[in-house]
Amino acid sequence: MSEIQEFACGAESVTATMNLPMPPGDEHYGPPLTIGFYPGVAEVWIEGPCGRQNIPVAHLKAVIQQLRRAAKLAVEHSQGEEGK
């Protein structure tokens, strides 16, 4: 389960920082993901160890759809690998 810390809004608003532990232990995949937005601009940003990606709100539905598709394929392919 991811660990989520939520924040209040400001000039550059960070809405959450997510630590992603590796199941079942306490290790992490890497640095936390940070999510936020710029007030007055209809976009969100996601920042990780390699930088920040700005995503216009109008594109979020498609981005989330592709994340779900990738997750489904990852699960399917990981289950296939375990059986080999």
PDB file of N, CA and C in Angstrom:
ATOM      1  N   MET A   1       0.859  -1.172   0.000  1.00  0.00           N
ATOM      2  CA  MET A   1       0.000   0.000   0.000  1.00  0.00           C
ATOM      3  C   MET A   1       0.901   1.230   0.000  1.00  0.00           C
ATOM      4  N   SER A   2       0.594   2.193  -0.834  1.00  0.00           N
ATOM      5  CA  SER A   2       1.391   3.415  -0.870  1.00  0.00           C
ATOM      6  C   SER A   2       1.107   4.277   0.350  1.00  0.00           C
ATOM      7  N   GLU A   3       2.133   5.015   0.765  1.00  0.00           N
ATOM      8  CA  GLU A   3       2.007   5.948   1.878  1.00  0.00           C
ATOM      9  C   GLU A   3       1.792   7.326   1.275  1.00  0.00           C
ATOM     10  N   ILE A   4       0.708   8.004   1.628  1.00  0.00           N
ATOM     11  CA  ILE A   4       0.363   9.289   1.043  1.00  0.00           C
ATOM     12  C   ILE A   4       0.330  10.351   2.123  1.00  0.00           C
ATOM     13  N   GLN A   5       0.993  11.472   1.849  1.00  0.00           N
ATOM     14  CA  GLN A   5       0.953  12.620   2.748  1.00  0.00           C
ATOM     15  C   GLN A   5       0.329  13.769   1.971  1.00  0.00           C
ATOM     16  N   GLU A   6      -0.744  14.367   2.479  1.00  0.00           N
ATOM     17  CA  GLU A   6      -1.431  15.447   1.784  1.00  0.00           C
ATOM     18  C   GLU A   6      -1.021  16.794   2.367  1.00  0.00           C
ATOM     19  N   PHE A   7      -1.053  17.828   1.520  1.00  0.00           N
ATOM     20  CA  PHE A   7      -0.629  19.162   1.907  1.00  0.00           C
ATOM     21  C   PHE A   7      -1.698  20.187   1.547  1.00  0.00           C
ATOM     22  N   ALA A   8      -1.612  21.376   2.118  1.00  0.00           N
ATOM     23  CA  ALA A   8      -2.525  22.477   1.789  1.00  0.00           C
ATOM     24  C   ALA A   8      -1.996  23.240   0.577  1.00  0.00           C
ATOM     25  N   CYS A   9      -2.825  24.131   0.020  1.00  0.00           N
ATOM     26  CA  CYS A   9      -2.477  24.890  -1.179  1.00  0.00           C
ATOM     27  C   CYS A   9      -1.656  26.129  -0.846  1.00  0.00           C
ATOM     28  N   GLY A  10      -0.779  26.521  -1.782  1.00  0.00           N
ATOM     29  CA  GLY A  10       0.053  27.714  -1.649  1.00  0.00           C
ATOM     30  C   GLY A  10       0.362  28.253  -3.031  1.00  0.00           C
ATOM     31  N   ALA A  11       1.517  28.930  -3.217  1.00  0.00           N
ATOM     32  CA  ALA A  11       1.886  29.502  -4.513  1.00  0.00           C
ATOM     33  C   ALA A  11       2.124  28.410  -5.548  1.00  0.00           C
ATOM     34  N   GLU A  12       2.983  27.484  -5.238  1.00  0.00           N
ATOM     35  CA  GLU A  12       3.135  26.263  -6.025  1.00  0.00           C
ATOM     36  C   GLU A  12       2.651  25.177  -5.102  1.00  0.00           C
ATOM     37  N   SER A  13       1.532  24.607  -5.391  1.00  0.00           N
ATOM     38  CA  SER A  13       0.880  23.729  -4.427  1.00  0.00           C
ATOM     39  C   SER A  13       1.285  22.278  -4.600  1.00  0.00           C
ATOM     40  N   VAL A  14       1.791  21.707  -3.529  1.00  0.00           N
ATOM     41  CA  VAL A  14       2.038  20.276  -3.451  1.00  0.00           C
ATOM     42  C   VAL A  14       0.803  19.686  -2.789  1.00  0.00           C
ATOM     43  N   THR A  15       0.148  18.766  -3.479  1.00  0.00           N
ATOM     44  CA  THR A  15      -1.061  18.173  -2.913  1.00  0.00           C
ATOM     45  C   THR A  15      -0.797  16.836  -2.243  1.00  0.00           C
ATOM     46  N   ALA A  16       0.287  16.153  -2.646  1.00  0.00           N
ATOM     47  CA  ALA A  16       0.598  14.863  -2.020  1.00  0.00           C
ATOM     48  C   ALA A  16       2.025  14.455  -2.323  1.00  0.00           C
ATOM     49  N   THR A  17       2.600  13.724  -1.391  1.00  0.00           N
ATOM     50  CA  THR A  17       3.871  13.031  -1.600  1.00  0.00           C
ATOM     51  C   THR A  17       3.601  11.566  -1.327  1.00  0.00           C
ATOM     52  N   MET A  18       3.992  10.711  -2.272  1.00  0.00           N
ATOM     53  CA  MET A  18       3.704   9.283  -2.154  1.00  0.00           C
ATOM     54  C   MET A  18       4.999   8.488  -2.058  1.00  0.00           C
ATOM     55  N   ASN A  19       5.176   7.782  -0.943  1.00  0.00           N
ATOM     56  CA  ASN A  19       6.265   6.827  -0.810  1.00  0.00           C
ATOM     57  C   ASN A  19       5.716   5.478  -1.232  1.00  0.00           C
ATOM     58  N   LEU A  20       6.436   4.800  -2.098  1.00  0.00           N
ATOM     59  CA  LEU A  20       5.942   3.546  -2.661  1.00  0.00           C
ATOM     60  C   LEU A  20       6.766   2.373  -2.153  1.00  0.00           C
ATOM     61  N   PRO A  21       6.368   1.758  -1.035  1.00  0.00           N
ATOM     62  CA  PRO A  21       7.127   0.638  -0.495  1.00  0.00           C
ATOM     63  C   PRO A  21       6.983  -0.611  -1.356  1.00  0.00           C
ATOM     64  N   MET A  22       8.017  -1.424  -1.336  1.00  0.00           N
ATOM     65  CA  MET A  22       7.968  -2.696  -2.043  1.00  0.00           C
ATOM     66  C   MET A  22       7.280  -3.714  -1.142  1.00  0.00           C
ATOM     67  N   PRO A  23       6.238  -4.378  -1.634  1.00  0.00           N
ATOM     68  CA  PRO A  23       5.575  -5.372  -0.799  1.00  0.00           C
ATOM     69  C   PRO A  23       6.496  -6.577  -0.604  1.00  0.00           C
ATOM     70  N   PRO A  24       6.510  -7.224   0.528  1.00  0.00           N
ATOM     71  CA  PRO A  24       5.813  -6.922   1.758  1.00  0.00           C
ATOM     72  C   PRO A  24       6.667  -6.123   2.736  1.00  0.00           C
ATOM     73  N   GLY A  25       7.893  -5.718   2.361  1.00  0.00           N
ATOM     74  CA  GLY A  25       8.808  -5.076   3.300  1.00  0.00           C
ATOM     75  C   GLY A  25       8.669  -3.573   3.355  1.00  0.00           C
ATOM     76  N   ASP A  26       9.627  -2.947   4.005  1.00  0.00           N
ATOM     77  CA  ASP A  26       9.617  -1.496   4.177  1.00  0.00           C
ATOM     78  C   ASP A  26      10.514  -0.791   3.174  1.00  0.00           C
ATOM     79  N   GLU A  27      11.138  -1.520   2.250  1.00  0.00           N
ATOM     80  CA  GLU A  27      11.995  -0.891   1.258  1.00  0.00           C
ATOM     81  C   GLU A  27      11.132  -0.077   0.297  1.00  0.00           C
ATOM     82  N   HIS A  28      11.778   0.866  -0.406  1.00  0.00           N
ATOM     83  CA  HIS A  28      11.060   1.712  -1.359  1.00  0.00           C
ATOM     84  C   HIS A  28      11.594   1.482  -2.763  1.00  0.00           C
ATOM     85  N   TYR A  29      10.743   1.699  -3.744  1.00  0.00           N
ATOM     86  CA  TYR A  29      11.161   1.606  -5.138  1.00  0.00           C
ATOM     87  C   TYR A  29      12.156   2.710  -5.472  1.00  0.00           C
ATOM     88  N   GLY A  30      12.070   3.814  -4.809  1.00  0.00           N
ATOM     89  CA  GLY A  30      12.944   4.949  -5.062  1.00  0.00           C
ATOM     90  C   GLY A  30      12.437   6.141  -4.292  1.00  0.00           C
ATOM     91  N   PRO A  31      12.894   7.328  -4.691  1.00  0.00           N
ATOM     92  CA  PRO A  31      12.417   8.542  -4.019  1.00  0.00           C
ATOM     93  C   PRO A  31      10.902   8.679  -4.168  1.00  0.00           C
ATOM     94  N   PRO A  32      10.277   9.447  -3.286  1.00  0.00           N
ATOM     95  CA  PRO A  32       8.824   9.605  -3.372  1.00  0.00           C
ATOM     96  C   PRO A  32       8.389  10.340  -4.636  1.00  0.00           C
ATOM     97  N   LEU A  33       7.158  10.088  -5.042  1.00  0.00           N
ATOM     98  CA  LEU A  33       6.522  10.867  -6.103  1.00  0.00           C
ATOM     99  C   LEU A  33       5.810  12.028  -5.429  1.00  0.00           C
ATOM    100  N   THR A  34       5.938  13.208  -6.000  1.00  0.00           N
ATOM    101  CA  THR A  34       5.260  14.382  -5.475  1.00  0.00           C
ATOM    102  C   THR A  34       4.280  14.868  -6.531  1.00  0.00           C
ATOM    103  N   ILE A  35       3.071  15.212  -6.106  1.00  0.00           N
ATOM    104  CA  ILE A  35       2.001  15.632  -7.013  1.00  0.00           C
ATOM    105  C   ILE A  35       1.530  17.011  -6.573  1.00  0.00           C
ATOM    106  N   GLY A  36       1.248  17.879  -7.546  1.00  0.00           N
ATOM    107  CA  GLY A  36       0.768  19.206  -7.205  1.00  0.00           C
ATOM    108  C   GLY A  36       0.224  19.942  -8.411  1.00  0.00           C
ATOM    109  N   PHE A  37       0.042  21.257  -8.233  1.00  0.00           N
ATOM    110  CA  PHE A  37      -0.474  22.100  -9.313  1.00  0.00           C
ATOM    111  C   PHE A  37      -0.008  23.529  -9.087  1.00  0.00           C
ATOM    112  N   TYR A  38      -0.135  24.333 -10.131  1.00  0.00           N
ATOM    113  CA  TYR A  38       0.137  25.768 -10.045  1.00  0.00           C
ATOM    114  C   TYR A  38      -1.202  26.488  -9.989  1.00  0.00           C
ATOM    115  N   PRO A  39      -1.496  27.252  -8.945  1.00  0.00           N
ATOM    116  CA  PRO A  39      -2.757  27.980  -8.893  1.00  0.00           C
ATOM    117  C   PRO A  39      -2.931  28.890 -10.121  1.00  0.00           C
ATOM    118  N   GLY A  40      -4.121  28.892 -10.662  1.00  0.00           N
ATOM    119  CA  GLY A  40      -4.415  29.710 -11.827  1.00  0.00           C
ATOM    120  C   GLY A  40      -4.125  29.031 -13.152  1.00  0.00           C
ATOM    121  N   VAL A  41      -3.589  27.810 -13.118  1.00  0.00           N
ATOM    122  CA  VAL A  41      -3.270  27.070 -14.343  1.00  0.00           C
ATOM    123  C   VAL A  41      -3.979  25.719 -14.262  1.00  0.00           C
ATOM    124  N   ALA A  42      -4.654  25.338 -15.326  1.00  0.00           N
ATOM    125  CA  ALA A  42      -5.410  24.078 -15.331  1.00  0.00           C
ATOM    126  C   ALA A  42      -4.507  22.915 -15.727  1.00  0.00           C
ATOM    127  N   GLU A  43      -3.511  22.656 -14.876  1.00  0.00           N
ATOM    128  CA  GLU A  43      -2.653  21.501 -15.084  1.00  0.00           C
ATOM    129  C   GLU A  43      -2.141  21.015 -13.736  1.00  0.00           C
ATOM    130  N   VAL A  44      -1.795  19.753 -13.697  1.00  0.00           N
ATOM    131  CA  VAL A  44      -1.173  19.176 -12.514  1.00  0.00           C
ATOM    132  C   VAL A  44       0.250  18.795 -12.888  1.00  0.00           C
ATOM    133  N   TRP A  45       1.063  18.579 -11.894  1.00  0.00           N
ATOM    134  CA  TRP A  45       2.404  18.087 -12.159  1.00  0.00           C
ATOM    135  C   TRP A  45       2.705  16.912 -11.245  1.00  0.00           C
ATOM    136  N   ILE A  46       3.538  16.023 -11.762  1.00  0.00           N
ATOM    137  CA  ILE A  46       4.018  14.864 -11.013  1.00  0.00           C
ATOM    138  C   ILE A  46       5.536  14.915 -11.097  1.00  0.00           C
ATOM    139  N   GLU A  47       6.181  14.864  -9.931  1.00  0.00           N
ATOM    140  CA  GLU A  47       7.639  14.957  -9.892  1.00  0.00           C
ATOM    141  C   GLU A  47       8.220  13.704  -9.267  1.00  0.00           C
ATOM    142  N   GLY A  48       9.227  13.183  -9.917  1.00  0.00           N
ATOM    143  CA  GLY A  48       9.953  12.029  -9.412  1.00  0.00           C
ATOM    144  C   GLY A  48      11.442  12.307  -9.482  1.00  0.00           C
ATOM    145  N   PRO A  49      12.260  11.287  -9.367  1.00  0.00           N
ATOM    146  CA  PRO A  49      13.704  11.482  -9.325  1.00  0.00           C
ATOM    147  C   PRO A  49      14.285  12.048 -10.621  1.00  0.00           C
ATOM    148  N   CYS A  50      13.584  11.898 -11.731  1.00  0.00           N
ATOM    149  CA  CYS A  50      14.107  12.375 -13.016  1.00  0.00           C
ATOM    150  C   CYS A  50      13.520  13.709 -13.450  1.00  0.00           C
ATOM    151  N   GLY A  51      12.729  14.355 -12.610  1.00  0.00           N
ATOM    152  CA  GLY A  51      12.181  15.658 -12.952  1.00  0.00           C
ATOM    153  C   GLY A  51      10.674  15.714 -12.821  1.00  0.00           C
ATOM    154  N   ARG A  52      10.134  16.772 -13.373  1.00  0.00           N
ATOM    155  CA  ARG A  52       8.711  17.065 -13.246  1.00  0.00           C
ATOM    156  C   ARG A  52       8.024  16.963 -14.595  1.00  0.00           C
ATOM    157  N   GLN A  53       6.842  16.352 -14.592  1.00  0.00           N
ATOM    158  CA  GLN A  53       6.017  16.248 -15.795  1.00  0.00           C
ATOM    159  C   GLN A  53       4.738  17.030 -15.565  1.00  0.00           C
ATOM    160  N   ASN A  54       4.486  18.049 -16.374  1.00  0.00           N
ATOM    161  CA  ASN A  54       3.245  18.818 -16.296  1.00  0.00           C
ATOM    162  C   ASN A  54       2.210  18.163 -17.202  1.00  0.00           C
ATOM    163  N   ILE A  55       0.993  18.031 -16.691  1.00  0.00           N
ATOM    164  CA  ILE A  55      -0.085  17.393 -17.445  1.00  0.00           C
ATOM    165  C   ILE A  55      -1.306  18.302 -17.410  1.00  0.00           C
ATOM    166  N   PRO A  56      -1.737  18.822 -18.579  1.00  0.00           N
ATOM    167  CA  PRO A  56      -2.958  19.617 -18.605  1.00  0.00           C
ATOM    168  C   PRO A  56      -4.146  18.793 -18.108  1.00  0.00           C
ATOM    169  N   VAL A  57      -5.001  19.401 -17.307  1.00  0.00           N
ATOM    170  CA  VAL A  57      -6.154  18.709 -16.728  1.00  0.00           C
ATOM    171  C   VAL A  57      -7.004  18.062 -17.826  1.00  0.00           C
ATOM    172  N   ALA A  58      -7.103  18.688 -18.974  1.00  0.00           N
ATOM    173  CA  ALA A  58      -7.903  18.135 -20.068  1.00  0.00           C
ATOM    174  C   ALA A  58      -7.379  16.775 -20.536  1.00  0.00           C
ATOM    175  N   HIS A  59      -6.117  16.465 -20.258  1.00  0.00           N
ATOM    176  CA  HIS A  59      -5.528  15.197 -20.692  1.00  0.00           C
ATOM    177  C   HIS A  59      -5.513  14.129 -19.598  1.00  0.00           C
ATOM    178  N   LEU A  60      -5.936  14.468 -18.390  1.00  0.00           N
ATOM    179  CA  LEU A  60      -5.845  13.519 -17.283  1.00  0.00           C
ATOM    180  C   LEU A  60      -6.642  12.239 -17.515  1.00  0.00           C
ATOM    181  N   LYS A  61      -7.823  12.344 -18.089  1.00  0.00           N
ATOM    182  CA  LYS A  61      -8.639  11.149 -18.327  1.00  0.00           C
ATOM    183  C   LYS A  61      -7.870  10.151 -19.194  1.00  0.00           C
ATOM    184  N   ALA A  62      -7.232  10.631 -20.260  1.00  0.00           N
ATOM    185  CA  ALA A  62      -6.470   9.747 -21.147  1.00  0.00           C
ATOM    186  C   ALA A  62      -5.223   9.203 -20.450  1.00  0.00           C
ATOM    187  N   VAL A  63      -4.552  10.035 -19.650  1.00  0.00           N
ATOM    188  CA  VAL A  63      -3.363   9.590 -18.928  1.00  0.00           C
ATOM    189  C   VAL A  63      -3.742   8.489 -17.928  1.00  0.00           C
ATOM    190  N   ILE A  64      -4.807   8.703 -17.179  1.00  0.00           N
ATOM    191  CA  ILE A  64      -5.247   7.705 -16.201  1.00  0.00           C
ATOM    192  C   ILE A  64      -5.668   6.414 -16.904  1.00  0.00           C
ATOM    193  N   GLN A  65      -6.333   6.533 -18.047  1.00  0.00           N
ATOM    194  CA  GLN A  65      -6.734   5.358 -18.815  1.00  0.00           C
ATOM    195  C   GLN A  65      -5.493   4.552 -19.227  1.00  0.00           C
ATOM    196  N   GLN A  66      -4.449   5.232 -19.669  1.00  0.00           N
ATOM    197  CA  GLN A  66      -3.235   4.531 -20.090  1.00  0.00           C
ATOM    198  C   GLN A  66      -2.476   3.940 -18.894  1.00  0.00           C
ATOM    199  N   LEU A  67      -2.519   4.609 -17.740  1.00  0.00           N
ATOM    200  CA  LEU A  67      -1.921   4.042 -16.532  1.00  0.00           C
ATOM    201  C   LEU A  67      -2.632   2.751 -16.128  1.00  0.00           C
ATOM    202  N   ARG A  68      -3.946   2.759 -16.198  1.00  0.00           N
ATOM    203  CA  ARG A  68      -4.716   1.552 -15.867  1.00  0.00           C
ATOM    204  C   ARG A  68      -4.411   0.425 -16.848  1.00  0.00           C
ATOM    205  N   ARG A  69      -4.298   0.762 -18.132  1.00  0.00           N
ATOM    206  CA  ARG A  69      -3.963  -0.241 -19.154  1.00  0.00           C
ATOM    207  C   ARG A  69      -2.586  -0.831 -18.879  1.00  0.00           C
ATOM    208  N   ALA A  70      -1.607   0.036 -18.590  1.00  0.00           N
ATOM    209  CA  ALA A  70      -0.250  -0.437 -18.302  1.00  0.00           C
ATOM    210  C   ALA A  70      -0.243  -1.315 -17.053  1.00  0.00           C
ATOM    211  N   ALA A  71      -1.011  -0.933 -16.024  1.00  0.00           N
ATOM    212  CA  ALA A  71      -1.082  -1.730 -14.803  1.00  0.00           C
ATOM    213  C   ALA A  71      -1.672  -3.110 -15.086  1.00  0.00           C
ATOM    214  N   LYS A  72      -2.724  -3.142 -15.881  1.00  0.00           N
ATOM    215  CA  LYS A  72      -3.351  -4.419 -16.228  1.00  0.00           C
ATOM    216  C   LYS A  72      -2.368  -5.312 -16.970  1.00  0.00           C
ATOM    217  N   LEU A  73      -1.658  -4.757 -17.945  1.00  0.00           N
ATOM    218  CA  LEU A  73      -0.682  -5.534 -18.704  1.00  0.00           C
ATOM    219  C   LEU A  73       0.477  -5.984 -17.820  1.00  0.00           C
ATOM    220  N   ALA A  74       0.913  -5.117 -16.906  1.00  0.00           N
ATOM    221  CA  ALA A  74       2.002  -5.482 -15.999  1.00  0.00           C
ATOM    222  C   ALA A  74       1.615  -6.676 -15.136  1.00  0.00           C
ATOM    223  N   VAL A  75       0.373  -6.662 -14.624  1.00  0.00           N
ATOM    224  CA  VAL A  75      -0.099  -7.778 -13.801  1.00  0.00           C
ATOM    225  C   VAL A  75      -0.180  -9.046 -14.634  1.00  0.00           C
ATOM    226  N   GLU A  76      -0.742  -8.941 -15.824  1.00  0.00           N
ATOM    227  CA  GLU A  76      -0.864 -10.110 -16.699  1.00  0.00           C
ATOM    228  C   GLU A  76       0.508 -10.698 -17.008  1.00  0.00           C
ATOM    229  N   HIS A  77       1.471  -9.850 -17.335  1.00  0.00           N
ATOM    230  CA  HIS A  77       2.796 -10.328 -17.718  1.00  0.00           C
ATOM    231  C   HIS A  77       3.599 -10.809 -16.517  1.00  0.00           C
ATOM    232  N   SER A  78       3.379 -10.241 -15.344  1.00  0.00           N
ATOM    233  CA  SER A  78       4.095 -10.722 -14.161  1.00  0.00           C
ATOM    234  C   SER A  78       3.574 -12.088 -13.735  1.00  0.00           C
ATOM    235  N   GLN A  79       2.292 -12.331 -13.901  1.00  0.00           N
ATOM    236  CA  GLN A  79       1.717 -13.632 -13.566  1.00  0.00           C
ATOM    237  C   GLN A  79       2.217 -14.690 -14.543  1.00  0.00           C
ATOM    238  N   GLY A  80       2.376 -14.305 -15.793  1.00  0.00           N
ATOM    239  CA  GLY A  80       2.896 -15.236 -16.803  1.00  0.00           C
ATOM    240  C   GLY A  80       4.333 -15.619 -16.528  1.00  0.00           C
ATOM    241  N   GLU A  81       5.140 -14.667 -16.040  1.00  0.00           N
ATOM    242  CA  GLU A  81       6.541 -14.918 -15.741  1.00  0.00           C
ATOM    243  C   GLU A  81       6.697 -15.823 -14.522  1.00  0.00           C
ATOM    244  N   GLU A  82       5.790 -15.699 -13.538  1.00  0.00           N
ATOM    245  CA  GLU A  82       5.892 -16.499 -12.322  1.00  0.00           C
ATOM    246  C   GLU A  82       5.649 -17.973 -12.598  1.00  0.00           C
ATOM    247  N   GLY A  83       4.866 -18.270 -13.622  1.00  0.00           N
ATOM    248  CA  GLY A  83       4.555 -19.650 -13.941  1.00  0.00           C
ATOM    249  C   GLY A  83       5.651 -20.356 -14.723  1.00  0.00           C
ATOM    250  N   LYS A  84       6.678 -19.642 -15.168  1.00  0.00           N
ATOM    251  CA  LYS A  84       7.752 -20.243 -15.981  1.00  0.00           C
ATOM    252  C   LYS A  84       8.803 -20.890 -15.122  1.00  0.00           C
TER     253      LYS A  84
END
